[in-house]
Amino acid sequence: MNSNSQSANPPDTYSHRLADIVGTAIALLTLTLPILVIANYSSTSVGNNQQPITYNLKTSED
């Protein structure tokens, strides 16, 4: 065996770089998309869920 010889398959840096980019994009979407969705739905539903405060007052008849 000759330890100085190069391997038959050179390292494929393009596929590793592409995998890194795709992995980073998936990670960013995983972290930001839920926050954006929660912020979108919570901001629209906050105003709709509030009920007006009403008080029933008894009036005395004289």
N, C-alpha and C. Protein backbone atom coordinates (compact mmCIF):
# COMPACT_ATOMS: atom_id res chain seq x y z
N MET A 1 0.82 -1.19 0.00
CA MET A 1 0.00 0.00 0.00
C MET A 1 0.87 1.24 0.00
N ASN A 2 0.45 2.16 -0.79
CA ASN A 2 1.18 3.41 -0.87
C ASN A 2 0.34 4.50 -0.21
N SER A 3 0.83 5.05 0.88
CA SER A 3 0.07 6.04 1.63
C SER A 3 0.13 7.42 1.01
N ASN A 4 1.04 7.62 0.06
CA ASN A 4 1.18 8.93 -0.57
C ASN A 4 0.23 9.12 -1.75
N SER A 5 -0.43 8.08 -2.21
CA SER A 5 -1.30 8.21 -3.37
C SER A 5 -2.62 8.88 -2.97
N GLN A 6 -3.18 9.62 -3.89
CA GLN A 6 -4.46 10.28 -3.62
C GLN A 6 -5.59 9.29 -3.84
N SER A 7 -6.70 9.53 -3.20
CA SER A 7 -7.83 8.64 -3.37
C SER A 7 -8.42 8.81 -4.77
N ALA A 8 -9.15 7.81 -5.21
CA ALA A 8 -9.73 7.84 -6.55
C ALA A 8 -10.82 8.90 -6.66
N ASN A 9 -11.54 9.14 -5.60
CA ASN A 9 -12.63 10.13 -5.61
C ASN A 9 -12.18 11.39 -4.88
N PRO A 10 -12.02 12.50 -5.59
CA PRO A 10 -11.66 13.75 -4.90
C PRO A 10 -12.84 14.24 -4.08
N PRO A 11 -12.59 14.97 -3.01
CA PRO A 11 -13.70 15.47 -2.19
C PRO A 11 -14.60 16.40 -3.01
N ASP A 12 -15.88 16.17 -2.88
CA ASP A 12 -16.86 16.95 -3.63
C ASP A 12 -17.30 18.14 -2.78
N THR A 13 -16.61 19.25 -2.96
CA THR A 13 -16.89 20.42 -2.12
C THR A 13 -18.18 21.12 -2.51
N TYR A 14 -18.60 20.96 -3.79
CA TYR A 14 -19.82 21.64 -4.22
C TYR A 14 -21.03 21.06 -3.50
N SER A 15 -21.12 19.74 -3.40
CA SER A 15 -22.28 19.15 -2.74
C SER A 15 -22.27 19.44 -1.25
N HIS A 16 -21.08 19.50 -0.64
CA HIS A 16 -21.01 19.85 0.78
C HIS A 16 -21.44 21.29 1.00
N ARG A 17 -21.02 22.17 0.12
CA ARG A 17 -21.39 23.57 0.25
C ARG A 17 -22.89 23.74 0.03
N LEU A 18 -23.44 23.04 -0.94
CA LEU A 18 -24.88 23.09 -1.19
C LEU A 18 -25.65 22.54 0.00
N ALA A 19 -25.16 21.46 0.59
CA ALA A 19 -25.82 20.89 1.77
C ALA A 19 -25.77 21.87 2.94
N ASP A 20 -24.67 22.58 3.09
CA ASP A 20 -24.56 23.59 4.15
C ASP A 20 -25.55 24.73 3.95
N ILE A 21 -25.69 25.17 2.71
CA ILE A 21 -26.61 26.27 2.41
C ILE A 21 -28.06 25.84 2.64
N VAL A 22 -28.40 24.65 2.16
CA VAL A 22 -29.77 24.15 2.34
C VAL A 22 -30.06 23.92 3.82
N GLY A 23 -29.10 23.37 4.54
CA GLY A 23 -29.28 23.15 5.98
C GLY A 23 -29.46 24.45 6.74
N THR A 24 -28.69 25.46 6.36
CA THR A 24 -28.82 26.77 7.01
C THR A 24 -30.18 27.39 6.71
N ALA A 25 -30.64 27.26 5.47
CA ALA A 25 -31.95 27.81 5.11
C ALA A 25 -33.07 27.11 5.88
N ILE A 26 -32.98 25.80 6.00
CA ILE A 26 -33.99 25.05 6.76
C ILE A 26 -33.96 25.46 8.23
N ALA A 27 -32.77 25.63 8.79
CA ALA A 27 -32.66 26.04 10.19
C ALA A 27 -33.25 27.42 10.42
N LEU A 28 -32.98 28.35 9.51
CA LEU A 28 -33.53 29.71 9.66
C LEU A 28 -35.05 29.70 9.54
N LEU A 29 -35.57 28.93 8.59
CA LEU A 29 -37.03 28.84 8.46
C LEU A 29 -37.66 28.20 9.70
N THR A 30 -37.00 27.19 10.23
CA THR A 30 -37.53 26.51 11.42
C THR A 30 -37.57 27.45 12.61
N LEU A 31 -36.60 28.35 12.71
CA LEU A 31 -36.56 29.25 13.84
C LEU A 31 -37.45 30.48 13.66
N THR A 32 -37.55 31.00 12.44
CA THR A 32 -38.26 32.26 12.25
C THR A 32 -39.72 32.09 11.86
N LEU A 33 -40.05 31.05 11.11
CA LEU A 33 -41.42 30.90 10.63
C LEU A 33 -42.44 30.77 11.76
N PRO A 34 -42.22 29.95 12.78
CA PRO A 34 -43.20 29.89 13.87
C PRO A 34 -43.38 31.22 14.59
N ILE A 35 -42.31 31.97 14.76
CA ILE A 35 -42.41 33.27 15.43
C ILE A 35 -43.25 34.23 14.59
N LEU A 36 -43.02 34.24 13.29
CA LEU A 36 -43.80 35.12 12.42
C LEU A 36 -45.27 34.73 12.39
N VAL A 37 -45.56 33.44 12.35
CA VAL A 37 -46.95 32.99 12.32
C VAL A 37 -47.65 33.33 13.63
N ILE A 38 -46.99 33.09 14.75
CA ILE A 38 -47.59 33.40 16.05
C ILE A 38 -47.81 34.90 16.18
N ALA A 39 -46.86 35.70 15.74
CA ALA A 39 -47.02 37.16 15.83
C ALA A 39 -48.15 37.63 14.93
N ASN A 40 -48.31 37.03 13.78
CA ASN A 40 -49.36 37.43 12.86
C ASN A 40 -50.74 37.11 13.43
N TYR A 41 -50.93 35.89 13.91
CA TYR A 41 -52.24 35.51 14.41
C TYR A 41 -52.56 36.12 15.76
N SER A 42 -51.57 36.34 16.60
CA SER A 42 -51.86 36.91 17.91
C SER A 42 -52.19 38.39 17.79
N SER A 43 -51.60 39.09 16.84
CA SER A 43 -51.88 40.52 16.73
C SER A 43 -53.28 40.76 16.16
N THR A 44 -53.80 39.85 15.33
CA THR A 44 -55.13 40.05 14.77
C THR A 44 -56.22 39.59 15.72
N SER A 45 -55.92 38.67 16.61
CA SER A 45 -56.97 38.14 17.48
C SER A 45 -57.05 38.85 18.82
N VAL A 46 -56.10 39.68 19.17
CA VAL A 46 -56.12 40.35 20.47
C VAL A 46 -57.29 41.32 20.54
N GLY A 47 -57.51 42.11 19.53
CA GLY A 47 -58.59 43.07 19.54
C GLY A 47 -59.97 42.44 19.44
N ASN A 48 -60.07 41.29 18.83
CA ASN A 48 -61.37 40.66 18.64
C ASN A 48 -61.85 39.90 19.87
N ASN A 49 -60.96 39.53 20.76
CA ASN A 49 -61.35 38.72 21.90
C ASN A 49 -61.80 39.54 23.11
N GLN A 50 -61.63 40.84 23.07
CA GLN A 50 -62.00 41.65 24.21
C GLN A 50 -63.50 41.92 24.18
N GLN A 51 -64.14 41.67 25.30
CA GLN A 51 -65.56 41.93 25.41
C GLN A 51 -65.76 43.23 26.19
N PRO A 52 -66.77 43.98 25.81
CA PRO A 52 -67.02 45.22 26.55
C PRO A 52 -67.49 44.90 27.97
N ILE A 53 -67.09 45.75 28.88
CA ILE A 53 -67.47 45.57 30.28
C ILE A 53 -68.81 46.26 30.49
N THR A 54 -69.77 45.49 30.95
CA THR A 54 -71.09 46.05 31.23
C THR A 54 -71.44 45.79 32.69
N TYR A 55 -72.11 46.73 33.28
CA TYR A 55 -72.55 46.61 34.66
C TYR A 55 -74.06 46.74 34.70
N ASN A 56 -74.68 45.83 35.43
CA ASN A 56 -76.12 45.93 35.63
C ASN A 56 -76.36 46.62 36.97
N LEU A 57 -76.99 47.79 36.92
CA LEU A 57 -77.26 48.54 38.12
C LEU A 57 -78.75 48.45 38.43
N LYS A 58 -79.03 48.15 39.69
CA LYS A 58 -80.42 48.13 40.11
C LYS A 58 -80.88 49.55 40.41
N THR A 59 -82.02 49.86 39.92
CA THR A 59 -82.57 51.18 40.23
C THR A 59 -83.70 50.99 41.22
N SER A 60 -83.72 51.79 42.21
CA SER A 60 -84.76 51.68 43.23
C SER A 60 -85.97 52.52 42.81
N GLU A 61 -87.12 51.93 42.98
CA GLU A 61 -88.33 52.67 42.65
C GLU A 61 -88.89 53.33 43.90
N ASP A 62 -89.17 54.58 43.81
CA ASP A 62 -89.68 55.34 44.96
C ASP A 62 -91.18 55.38 44.95
